[in-house]
Every structure is written in structure tokens, then in C-alpha cells.
Amino acid sequence: MDNARKMTDMITKDGDKAMERVREVSETALEKGRETLNELRAQGKEVMIDAQESVEEAWQDAQKLMQKHPGKAVGLALIVGAVFGSVLMAMRNNE
């Protein structure tokens, strides 16, 4: 009986140590995951800001083109529309 109690106590202590180690590892992993998520959020915000600035620049360039050369702008729009239309039709026919 004494051996069984000693064995039970030893198993309980080992189990407690293992559970504590699991908690430590999981807390460390969770913290690293949070840090990574925060870094990705910051990077995503930077990318969105850069994209927004690029779109604004493109829009300003398009406005300047329309003001300086309206005929060229309309021709360019027709060409781009025709290309997109062709691509969409090709994709639709492949389905």
C-alpha cells in the first residue's frame, strides 16, 4: 500500500510538472502568435496606405490626361475596355 501511495504521489507530481510545462509553452506560443498578428496588422495597414496613395496618384494622372488630351483619354478608355471585354469573353467561352 505504501508503494502504491508513493507511486501515486510521484505520478501526481510528474503530472503537475508536465501540466505546468504545457501551460508555459502554450502561453509562450499564444504570446508569440499575438505579436505576429499585431505585426501582420501593422504591415497590412502600411500596404493599404501605400495602395491608397498609388490609387490617388493614378486618379490624379488620369484627371491630368483628361484635361490635357481628352481625345487620347477617350481612345485609351475604349482600348482598355475592348481588352477587358475580350478577356472576359475568352474566359466565359473557356468555361
PDB file of N, CA and C in Angstrom:
ATOM      1  N   MET A   1       0.821  -1.182   0.000  1.00  0.00           N
ATOM      2  CA  MET A   1       0.000   0.000   0.000  1.00  0.00           C
ATOM      3  C   MET A   1       0.871   1.255   0.000  1.00  0.00           C
ATOM      4  N   ASP A   2       1.940   1.202   0.763  1.00  0.00           N
ATOM      5  CA  ASP A   2       2.845   2.345   0.846  1.00  0.00           C
ATOM      6  C   ASP A   2       3.468   2.629  -0.516  1.00  0.00           C
ATOM      7  N   ASN A   3       3.852   1.566  -1.194  1.00  0.00           N
ATOM      8  CA  ASN A   3       4.454   1.734  -2.527  1.00  0.00           C
ATOM      9  C   ASN A   3       3.443   2.346  -3.500  1.00  0.00           C
ATOM     10  N   ALA A   4       2.204   1.950  -3.384  1.00  0.00           N
ATOM     11  CA  ALA A   4       1.167   2.479  -4.268  1.00  0.00           C
ATOM     12  C   ALA A   4       0.973   3.975  -4.018  1.00  0.00           C
ATOM     13  N   ARG A   5       1.004   4.375  -2.741  1.00  0.00           N
ATOM     14  CA  ARG A   5       0.852   5.795  -2.416  1.00  0.00           C
ATOM     15  C   ARG A   5       2.043   6.594  -2.925  1.00  0.00           C
ATOM     16  N   LYS A   6       3.238   6.036  -2.734  1.00  0.00           N
ATOM     17  CA  LYS A   6       4.429   6.724  -3.212  1.00  0.00           C
ATOM     18  C   LYS A   6       4.382   6.870  -4.738  1.00  0.00           C
ATOM     19  N   MET A   7       3.972   5.789  -5.379  1.00  0.00           N
ATOM     20  CA  MET A   7       3.879   5.804  -6.836  1.00  0.00           C
ATOM     21  C   MET A   7       2.835   6.828  -7.282  1.00  0.00           C
ATOM     22  N   THR A   8       1.696   6.865  -6.604  1.00  0.00           N
ATOM     23  CA  THR A   8       0.638   7.824  -6.924  1.00  0.00           C
ATOM     24  C   THR A   8       1.119   9.251  -6.712  1.00  0.00           C
ATOM     25  N   ASP A   9       1.824   9.495  -5.606  1.00  0.00           N
ATOM     26  CA  ASP A   9       2.364  10.833  -5.342  1.00  0.00           C
ATOM     27  C   ASP A   9       3.371  11.237  -6.408  1.00  0.00           C
ATOM     28  N   MET A  10       4.223  10.284  -6.797  1.00  0.00           N
ATOM     29  CA  MET A  10       5.238  10.581  -7.804  1.00  0.00           C
ATOM     30  C   MET A  10       4.573  10.883  -9.155  1.00  0.00           C
ATOM     31  N   ILE A  11       3.569  10.107  -9.506  1.00  0.00           N
ATOM     32  CA  ILE A  11       2.861  10.330 -10.764  1.00  0.00           C
ATOM     33  C   ILE A  11       2.138  11.683 -10.726  1.00  0.00           C
ATOM     34  N   THR A  12       1.550  12.005  -9.587  1.00  0.00           N
ATOM     35  CA  THR A  12       0.850  13.282  -9.446  1.00  0.00           C
ATOM     36  C   THR A  12       1.825  14.454  -9.587  1.00  0.00           C
ATOM     37  N   LYS A  13       2.996  14.338  -8.938  1.00  0.00           N
ATOM     38  CA  LYS A  13       3.996  15.406  -9.030  1.00  0.00           C
ATOM     39  C   LYS A  13       4.496  15.549 -10.468  1.00  0.00           C
ATOM     40  N   ASP A  14       4.754  14.408 -11.121  1.00  0.00           N
ATOM     41  CA  ASP A  14       5.208  14.450 -12.507  1.00  0.00           C
ATOM     42  C   ASP A  14       4.123  15.032 -13.412  1.00  0.00           C
ATOM     43  N   GLY A  15       2.901  14.656 -13.140  1.00  0.00           N
ATOM     44  CA  GLY A  15       1.776  15.187 -13.924  1.00  0.00           C
ATOM     45  C   GLY A  15       1.630  16.684 -13.730  1.00  0.00           C
ATOM     46  N   ASP A  16       1.800  17.140 -12.483  1.00  0.00           N
ATOM     47  CA  ASP A  16       1.719  18.573 -12.207  1.00  0.00           C
ATOM     48  C   ASP A  16       2.843  19.330 -12.920  1.00  0.00           C
ATOM     49  N   LYS A  17       4.036  18.742 -12.903  1.00  0.00           N
ATOM     50  CA  LYS A  17       5.165  19.373 -13.605  1.00  0.00           C
ATOM     51  C   LYS A  17       4.893  19.436 -15.106  1.00  0.00           C
ATOM     52  N   ALA A  18       4.362  18.360 -15.633  1.00  0.00           N
ATOM     53  CA  ALA A  18       4.056  18.324 -17.067  1.00  0.00           C
ATOM     54  C   ALA A  18       2.978  19.338 -17.414  1.00  0.00           C
ATOM     55  N   MET A  19       1.946  19.437 -16.599  1.00  0.00           N
ATOM     56  CA  MET A  19       0.876  20.404 -16.841  1.00  0.00           C
ATOM     57  C   MET A  19       1.408  21.838 -16.772  1.00  0.00           C
ATOM     58  N   GLU A  20       2.287  22.096 -15.832  1.00  0.00           N
ATOM     59  CA  GLU A  20       2.879  23.429 -15.710  1.00  0.00           C
ATOM     60  C   GLU A  20       3.705  23.754 -16.954  1.00  0.00           C
ATOM     61  N   ARG A  21       4.448  22.772 -17.419  1.00  0.00           N
ATOM     62  CA  ARG A  21       5.263  22.969 -18.623  1.00  0.00           C
ATOM     63  C   ARG A  21       4.366  23.231 -19.839  1.00  0.00           C
ATOM     64  N   VAL A  22       3.269  22.485 -19.941  1.00  0.00           N
ATOM     65  CA  VAL A  22       2.323  22.686 -21.034  1.00  0.00           C
ATOM     66  C   VAL A  22       1.741  24.095 -20.973  1.00  0.00           C
ATOM     67  N   ARG A  23       1.403  24.565 -19.787  1.00  0.00           N
ATOM     68  CA  ARG A  23       0.875  25.927 -19.629  1.00  0.00           C
ATOM     69  C   ARG A  23       1.902  26.961 -20.074  1.00  0.00           C
ATOM     70  N   GLU A  24       3.159  26.772 -19.654  1.00  0.00           N
ATOM     71  CA  GLU A  24       4.212  27.715 -20.026  1.00  0.00           C
ATOM     72  C   GLU A  24       4.400  27.761 -21.544  1.00  0.00           C
ATOM     73  N   VAL A  25       4.462  26.590 -22.141  1.00  0.00           N
ATOM     74  CA  VAL A  25       4.660  26.523 -23.596  1.00  0.00           C
ATOM     75  C   VAL A  25       3.471  27.138 -24.326  1.00  0.00           C
ATOM     76  N   SER A  26       2.264  26.829 -23.878  1.00  0.00           N
ATOM     77  CA  SER A  26       1.082  27.370 -24.548  1.00  0.00           C
ATOM     78  C   SER A  26       0.998  28.883 -24.380  1.00  0.00           C
ATOM     79  N   GLU A  27       1.341  29.404 -23.212  1.00  0.00           N
ATOM     80  CA  GLU A  27       1.337  30.853 -23.004  1.00  0.00           C
ATOM     81  C   GLU A  27       2.380  31.532 -23.884  1.00  0.00           C
ATOM     82  N   THR A  28       3.558  30.906 -23.997  1.00  0.00           N
ATOM     83  CA  THR A  28       4.606  31.458 -24.855  1.00  0.00           C
ATOM     84  C   THR A  28       4.160  31.456 -26.308  1.00  0.00           C
ATOM     85  N   ALA A  29       3.576  30.358 -26.748  1.00  0.00           N
ATOM     86  CA  ALA A  29       3.105  30.262 -28.134  1.00  0.00           C
ATOM     87  C   ALA A  29       1.985  31.269 -28.397  1.00  0.00           C
ATOM     88  N   LEU A  30       1.087  31.424 -27.446  1.00  0.00           N
ATOM     89  CA  LEU A  30      -0.007  32.375 -27.591  1.00  0.00           C
ATOM     90  C   LEU A  30       0.523  33.804 -27.681  1.00  0.00           C
ATOM     91  N   GLU A  31       1.485  34.130 -26.866  1.00  0.00           N
ATOM     92  CA  GLU A  31       2.077  35.476 -26.890  1.00  0.00           C
ATOM     93  C   GLU A  31       2.791  35.738 -28.222  1.00  0.00           C
ATOM     94  N   LYS A  32       3.536  34.747 -28.703  1.00  0.00           N
ATOM     95  CA  LYS A  32       4.206  34.896 -29.998  1.00  0.00           C
ATOM     96  C   LYS A  32       3.175  35.053 -31.117  1.00  0.00           C
ATOM     97  N   GLY A  33       2.101  34.315 -31.032  1.00  0.00           N
ATOM     98  CA  GLY A  33       1.030  34.428 -32.018  1.00  0.00           C
ATOM     99  C   GLY A  33       0.412  35.818 -32.011  1.00  0.00           C
ATOM    100  N   ARG A  34       0.193  36.360 -30.832  1.00  0.00           N
ATOM    101  CA  ARG A  34      -0.356  37.722 -30.731  1.00  0.00           C
ATOM    102  C   ARG A  34       0.599  38.743 -31.322  1.00  0.00           C
ATOM    103  N   GLU A  35       1.892  38.590 -31.020  1.00  0.00           N
ATOM    104  CA  GLU A  35       2.893  39.515 -31.558  1.00  0.00           C
ATOM    105  C   GLU A  35       2.919  39.441 -33.083  1.00  0.00           C
ATOM    106  N   THR A  36       2.878  38.230 -33.619  1.00  0.00           N
ATOM    107  CA  THR A  36       2.884  38.053 -35.068  1.00  0.00           C
ATOM    108  C   THR A  36       1.635  38.672 -35.690  1.00  0.00           C
ATOM    109  N   LEU A  37       0.493  38.475 -35.062  1.00  0.00           N
ATOM    110  CA  LEU A  37      -0.754  39.046 -35.554  1.00  0.00           C
ATOM    111  C   LEU A  37      -0.684  40.567 -35.564  1.00  0.00           C
ATOM    112  N   ASN A  38      -0.150  41.152 -34.503  1.00  0.00           N
ATOM    113  CA  ASN A  38      -0.022  42.608 -34.444  1.00  0.00           C
ATOM    114  C   ASN A  38       0.922  43.121 -35.533  1.00  0.00           C
ATOM    115  N   GLU A  39       2.016  42.388 -35.774  1.00  0.00           N
ATOM    116  CA  GLU A  39       2.949  42.788 -36.829  1.00  0.00           C
ATOM    117  C   GLU A  39       2.277  42.709 -38.200  1.00  0.00           C
ATOM    118  N   LEU A  40       1.514  41.640 -38.424  1.00  0.00           N
ATOM    119  CA  LEU A  40       0.818  41.492 -39.705  1.00  0.00           C
ATOM    120  C   LEU A  40      -0.230  42.581 -39.893  1.00  0.00           C
ATOM    121  N   ARG A  41      -0.911  42.949 -38.821  1.00  0.00           N
ATOM    122  CA  ARG A  41      -1.890  44.038 -38.907  1.00  0.00           C
ATOM    123  C   ARG A  41      -1.198  45.335 -39.301  1.00  0.00           C
ATOM    124  N   ALA A  42      -0.070  45.613 -38.663  1.00  0.00           N
ATOM    125  CA  ALA A  42       0.667  46.841 -38.978  1.00  0.00           C
ATOM    126  C   ALA A  42       1.132  46.826 -40.432  1.00  0.00           C
ATOM    127  N   GLN A  43       1.639  45.693 -40.892  1.00  0.00           N
ATOM    128  CA  GLN A  43       2.071  45.585 -42.284  1.00  0.00           C
ATOM    129  C   GLN A  43       0.886  45.758 -43.237  1.00  0.00           C
ATOM    130  N   GLY A  44      -0.235  45.171 -42.876  1.00  0.00           N
ATOM    131  CA  GLY A  44      -1.434  45.299 -43.707  1.00  0.00           C
ATOM    132  C   GLY A  44      -1.892  46.746 -43.807  1.00  0.00           C
ATOM    133  N   LYS A  45      -1.829  47.469 -42.688  1.00  0.00           N
ATOM    134  CA  LYS A  45      -2.203  48.879 -42.709  1.00  0.00           C
ATOM    135  C   LYS A  45      -1.263  49.670 -43.600  1.00  0.00           C
ATOM    136  N   GLU A  46       0.036  49.367 -43.521  1.00  0.00           N
ATOM    137  CA  GLU A  46       1.013  50.056 -44.367  1.00  0.00           C
ATOM    138  C   GLU A  46       0.752  49.779 -45.838  1.00  0.00           C
ATOM    139  N   VAL A  47       0.451  48.526 -46.163  1.00  0.00           N
ATOM    140  CA  VAL A  47       0.167  48.158 -47.551  1.00  0.00           C
ATOM    141  C   VAL A  47      -1.086  48.888 -48.037  1.00  0.00           C
ATOM    142  N   MET A  48      -2.102  48.955 -47.200  1.00  0.00           N
ATOM    143  CA  MET A  48      -3.330  49.648 -47.587  1.00  0.00           C
ATOM    144  C   MET A  48      -3.072  51.139 -47.810  1.00  0.00           C
ATOM    145  N   ILE A  49      -2.264  51.742 -46.962  1.00  0.00           N
ATOM    146  CA  ILE A  49      -1.936  53.152 -47.126  1.00  0.00           C
ATOM    147  C   ILE A  49      -1.177  53.372 -48.428  1.00  0.00           C
ATOM    148  N   ASP A  50      -0.195  52.502 -48.706  1.00  0.00           N
ATOM    149  CA  ASP A  50       0.567  52.603 -49.954  1.00  0.00           C
ATOM    150  C   ASP A  50      -0.338  52.431 -51.166  1.00  0.00           C
ATOM    151  N   ALA A  51      -1.250  51.457 -51.104  1.00  0.00           N
ATOM    152  CA  ALA A  51      -2.166  51.223 -52.214  1.00  0.00           C
ATOM    153  C   ALA A  51      -3.080  52.423 -52.421  1.00  0.00           C
ATOM    154  N   GLN A  52      -3.548  52.987 -51.331  1.00  0.00           N
ATOM    155  CA  GLN A  52      -4.425  54.150 -51.430  1.00  0.00           C
ATOM    156  C   GLN A  52      -3.687  55.323 -52.067  1.00  0.00           C
ATOM    157  N   GLU A  53      -2.441  55.533 -51.674  1.00  0.00           N
ATOM    158  CA  GLU A  53      -1.646  56.607 -52.254  1.00  0.00           C
ATOM    159  C   GLU A  53      -1.415  56.366 -53.743  1.00  0.00           C
ATOM    160  N   SER A  54      -1.158  55.105 -54.114  1.00  0.00           N
ATOM    161  CA  SER A  54      -0.953  54.777 -55.529  1.00  0.00           C
ATOM    162  C   SER A  54      -2.217  55.032 -56.341  1.00  0.00           C
ATOM    163  N   VAL A  55      -3.360  54.660 -55.799  1.00  0.00           N
ATOM    164  CA  VAL A  55      -4.621  54.879 -56.490  1.00  0.00           C
ATOM    165  C   VAL A  55      -4.892  56.375 -56.641  1.00  0.00           C
ATOM    166  N   GLU A  56      -4.614  57.135 -55.584  1.00  0.00           N
ATOM    167  CA  GLU A  56      -4.813  58.580 -55.663  1.00  0.00           C
ATOM    168  C   GLU A  56      -3.917  59.202 -56.730  1.00  0.00           C
ATOM    169  N   GLU A  57      -2.670  58.748 -56.807  1.00  0.00           N
ATOM    170  CA  GLU A  57      -1.750  59.261 -57.825  1.00  0.00           C
ATOM    171  C   GLU A  57      -2.246  58.902 -59.224  1.00  0.00           C
ATOM    172  N   ALA A  58      -2.708  57.670 -59.397  1.00  0.00           N
ATOM    173  CA  ALA A  58      -3.221  57.242 -60.696  1.00  0.00           C
ATOM    174  C   ALA A  58      -4.450  58.059 -61.084  1.00  0.00           C
ATOM    175  N   TRP A  59      -5.299  58.323 -60.108  1.00  0.00           N
ATOM    176  CA  TRP A  59      -6.501  59.110 -60.379  1.00  0.00           C
ATOM    177  C   TRP A  59      -6.127  60.532 -60.793  1.00  0.00           C
ATOM    178  N   GLN A  60      -5.164  61.116 -60.103  1.00  0.00           N
ATOM    179  CA  GLN A  60      -4.709  62.459 -60.463  1.00  0.00           C
ATOM    180  C   GLN A  60      -4.092  62.472 -61.857  1.00  0.00           C
ATOM    181  N   ASP A  61      -3.315  61.443 -62.171  1.00  0.00           N
ATOM    182  CA  ASP A  61      -2.731  61.346 -63.511  1.00  0.00           C
ATOM    183  C   ASP A  61      -3.822  61.225 -64.577  1.00  0.00           C
ATOM    184  N   ALA A  62      -4.845  60.450 -64.277  1.00  0.00           N
ATOM    185  CA  ALA A  62      -5.948  60.287 -65.223  1.00  0.00           C
ATOM    186  C   ALA A  62      -6.681  61.614 -65.425  1.00  0.00           C
ATOM    187  N   GLN A  63      -6.872  62.358 -64.346  1.00  0.00           N
ATOM    188  CA  GLN A  63      -7.525  63.661 -64.460  1.00  0.00           C
ATOM    189  C   GLN A  63      -6.689  64.618 -65.310  1.00  0.00           C
ATOM    190  N   LYS A  64      -5.380  64.606 -65.094  1.00  0.00           N
ATOM    191  CA  LYS A  64      -4.498  65.470 -65.882  1.00  0.00           C
ATOM    192  C   LYS A  64      -4.552  65.090 -67.363  1.00  0.00           C
ATOM    193  N   LEU A  65      -4.552  63.780 -67.645  1.00  0.00           N
ATOM    194  CA  LEU A  65      -4.623  63.311 -69.017  1.00  0.00           C
ATOM    195  C   LEU A  65      -5.922  63.766 -69.667  1.00  0.00           C
ATOM    196  N   MET A  66      -7.030  63.639 -68.929  1.00  0.00           N
ATOM    197  CA  MET A  66      -8.333  64.057 -69.465  1.00  0.00           C
ATOM    198  C   MET A  66      -8.347  65.552 -69.751  1.00  0.00           C
ATOM    199  N   GLN A  67      -7.720  66.348 -68.906  1.00  0.00           N
ATOM    200  CA  GLN A  67      -7.723  67.793 -69.107  1.00  0.00           C
ATOM    201  C   GLN A  67      -6.836  68.198 -70.277  1.00  0.00           C
ATOM    202  N   LYS A  68      -5.687  67.550 -70.418  1.00  0.00           N
ATOM    203  CA  LYS A  68      -4.743  67.938 -71.465  1.00  0.00           C
ATOM    204  C   LYS A  68      -5.107  67.334 -72.812  1.00  0.00           C
ATOM    205  N   HIS A  69      -5.513  66.063 -72.826  1.00  0.00           N
ATOM    206  CA  HIS A  69      -5.758  65.347 -74.078  1.00  0.00           C
ATOM    207  C   HIS A  69      -7.043  64.521 -73.968  1.00  0.00           C
ATOM    208  N   PRO A  70      -8.191  65.158 -74.048  1.00  0.00           N
ATOM    209  CA  PRO A  70      -9.444  64.405 -73.894  1.00  0.00           C
ATOM    210  C   PRO A  70      -9.648  63.341 -74.971  1.00  0.00           C
ATOM    211  N   GLY A  71      -9.210  63.615 -76.178  1.00  0.00           N
ATOM    212  CA  GLY A  71      -9.366  62.628 -77.244  1.00  0.00           C
ATOM    213  C   GLY A  71      -8.545  61.381 -76.993  1.00  0.00           C
ATOM    214  N   LYS A  72      -7.315  61.571 -76.561  1.00  0.00           N
ATOM    215  CA  LYS A  72      -6.448  60.423 -76.248  1.00  0.00           C
ATOM    216  C   LYS A  72      -7.021  59.626 -75.079  1.00  0.00           C
ATOM    217  N   ALA A  73      -7.549  60.318 -74.087  1.00  0.00           N
ATOM    218  CA  ALA A  73      -8.104  59.639 -72.909  1.00  0.00           C
ATOM    219  C   ALA A  73      -9.289  58.767 -73.303  1.00  0.00           C
ATOM    220  N   VAL A  74     -10.154  59.292 -74.163  1.00  0.00           N
ATOM    221  CA  VAL A  74     -11.319  58.513 -74.604  1.00  0.00           C
ATOM    222  C   VAL A  74     -10.854  57.315 -75.421  1.00  0.00           C
ATOM    223  N   GLY A  75      -9.881  57.529 -76.314  1.00  0.00           N
ATOM    224  CA  GLY A  75      -9.339  56.419 -77.102  1.00  0.00           C
ATOM    225  C   GLY A  75      -8.712  55.355 -76.222  1.00  0.00           C
ATOM    226  N   LEU A  76      -7.956  55.789 -75.224  1.00  0.00           N
ATOM    227  CA  LEU A  76      -7.336  54.844 -74.293  1.00  0.00           C
ATOM    228  C   LEU A  76      -8.397  54.066 -73.526  1.00  0.00           C
ATOM    229  N   ALA A  77      -9.453  54.765 -73.107  1.00  0.00           N
ATOM    230  CA  ALA A  77     -10.536  54.092 -72.385  1.00  0.00           C
ATOM    231  C   ALA A  77     -11.208  53.048 -73.270  1.00  0.00           C
ATOM    232  N   LEU A  78     -11.403  53.375 -74.534  1.00  0.00           N
ATOM    233  CA  LEU A  78     -12.016  52.406 -75.459  1.00  0.00           C
ATOM    234  C   LEU A  78     -11.122  51.189 -75.660  1.00  0.00           C
ATOM    235  N   ILE A  79      -9.825  51.414 -75.798  1.00  0.00           N
ATOM    236  CA  ILE A  79      -8.894  50.302 -75.972  1.00  0.00           C
ATOM    237  C   ILE A  79      -8.868  49.405 -74.742  1.00  0.00           C
ATOM    238  N   VAL A  80      -8.771  50.031 -73.581  1.00  0.00           N
ATOM    239  CA  VAL A  80      -8.753  49.248 -72.332  1.00  0.00           C
ATOM    240  C   VAL A  80     -10.056  48.480 -72.175  1.00  0.00           C
ATOM    241  N   GLY A  81     -11.173  49.116 -72.484  1.00  0.00           N
ATOM    242  CA  GLY A  81     -12.462  48.435 -72.403  1.00  0.00           C
ATOM    243  C   GLY A  81     -12.542  47.254 -73.348  1.00  0.00           C
ATOM    244  N   ALA A  82     -12.013  47.431 -74.553  1.00  0.00           N
ATOM    245  CA  ALA A  82     -12.023  46.341 -75.532  1.00  0.00           C
ATOM    246  C   ALA A  82     -11.153  45.176 -75.054  1.00  0.00           C
ATOM    247  N   VAL A  83     -10.007  45.491 -74.473  1.00  0.00           N
ATOM    248  CA  VAL A  83      -9.126  44.428 -73.964  1.00  0.00           C
ATOM    249  C   VAL A  83      -9.813  43.670 -72.836  1.00  0.00           C
ATOM    250  N   PHE A  84     -10.385  44.404 -71.877  1.00  0.00           N
ATOM    251  CA  PHE A  84     -11.080  43.736 -70.773  1.00  0.00           C
ATOM    252  C   PHE A  84     -12.251  42.908 -71.293  1.00  0.00           C
ATOM    253  N   GLY A  85     -12.998  43.457 -72.243  1.00  0.00           N
ATOM    254  CA  GLY A  85     -14.117  42.721 -72.812  1.00  0.00           C
ATOM    255  C   GLY A  85     -13.670  41.444 -73.493  1.00  0.00           C
ATOM    256  N   SER A  86     -12.559  41.530 -74.231  1.00  0.00           N
ATOM    257  CA  SER A  86     -12.025  40.339 -74.902  1.00  0.00           C
ATOM    258  C   SER A  86     -11.602  39.279 -73.897  1.00  0.00           C
ATOM    259  N   VAL A  87     -10.948  39.717 -72.852  1.00  0.00           N
ATOM    260  CA  VAL A  87     -10.505  38.774 -71.816  1.00  0.00           C
ATOM    261  C   VAL A  87     -11.704  38.113 -71.159  1.00  0.00           C
ATOM    262  N   LEU A  88     -12.705  38.897 -70.820  1.00  0.00           N
ATOM    263  CA  LEU A  88     -13.898  38.333 -70.184  1.00  0.00           C
ATOM    264  C   LEU A  88     -14.623  37.359 -71.110  1.00  0.00           C
ATOM    265  N   MET A  89     -14.719  37.704 -72.369  1.00  0.00           N
ATOM    266  CA  MET A  89     -15.379  36.803 -73.331  1.00  0.00           C
ATOM    267  C   MET A  89     -14.582  35.500 -73.485  1.00  0.00           C
ATOM    268  N   ALA A  90     -13.269  35.609 -73.539  1.00  0.00           N
ATOM    269  CA  ALA A  90     -12.433  34.410 -73.658  1.00  0.00           C
ATOM    270  C   ALA A  90     -12.597  33.525 -72.431  1.00  0.00           C
ATOM    271  N   MET A  91     -12.618  34.134 -71.254  1.00  0.00           N
ATOM    272  CA  MET A  91     -12.785  33.361 -70.025  1.00  0.00           C
ATOM    273  C   MET A  91     -14.157  32.695 -69.993  1.00  0.00           C
ATOM    274  N   ARG A  92     -15.162  33.416 -70.448  1.00  0.00           N
ATOM    275  CA  ARG A  92     -16.517  32.882 -70.449  1.00  0.00           C
ATOM    276  C   ARG A  92     -16.639  31.711 -71.431  1.00  0.00           C
ATOM    277  N   ASN A  93     -15.994  31.827 -72.586  1.00  0.00           N
ATOM    278  CA  ASN A  93     -16.050  30.758 -73.586  1.00  0.00           C
ATOM    279  C   ASN A  93     -15.270  29.510 -73.122  1.00  0.00           C
ATOM    280  N   ASN A  94     -14.254  29.697 -72.291  1.00  0.00           N
ATOM    281  CA  ASN A  94     -13.471  28.558 -71.786  1.00  0.00           C
ATOM    282  C   ASN A  94     -14.251  27.772 -70.739  1.00  0.00           C
ATOM    283  N   GLU A  95     -15.194  28.388 -70.110  1.00  0.00           N
ATOM    284  CA  GLU A  95     -15.970  27.700 -69.084  1.00  0.00           C
ATOM    285  C   GLU A  95     -16.924  26.813 -69.784  1.00  0.00           C
TER     286      GLU A  95
END
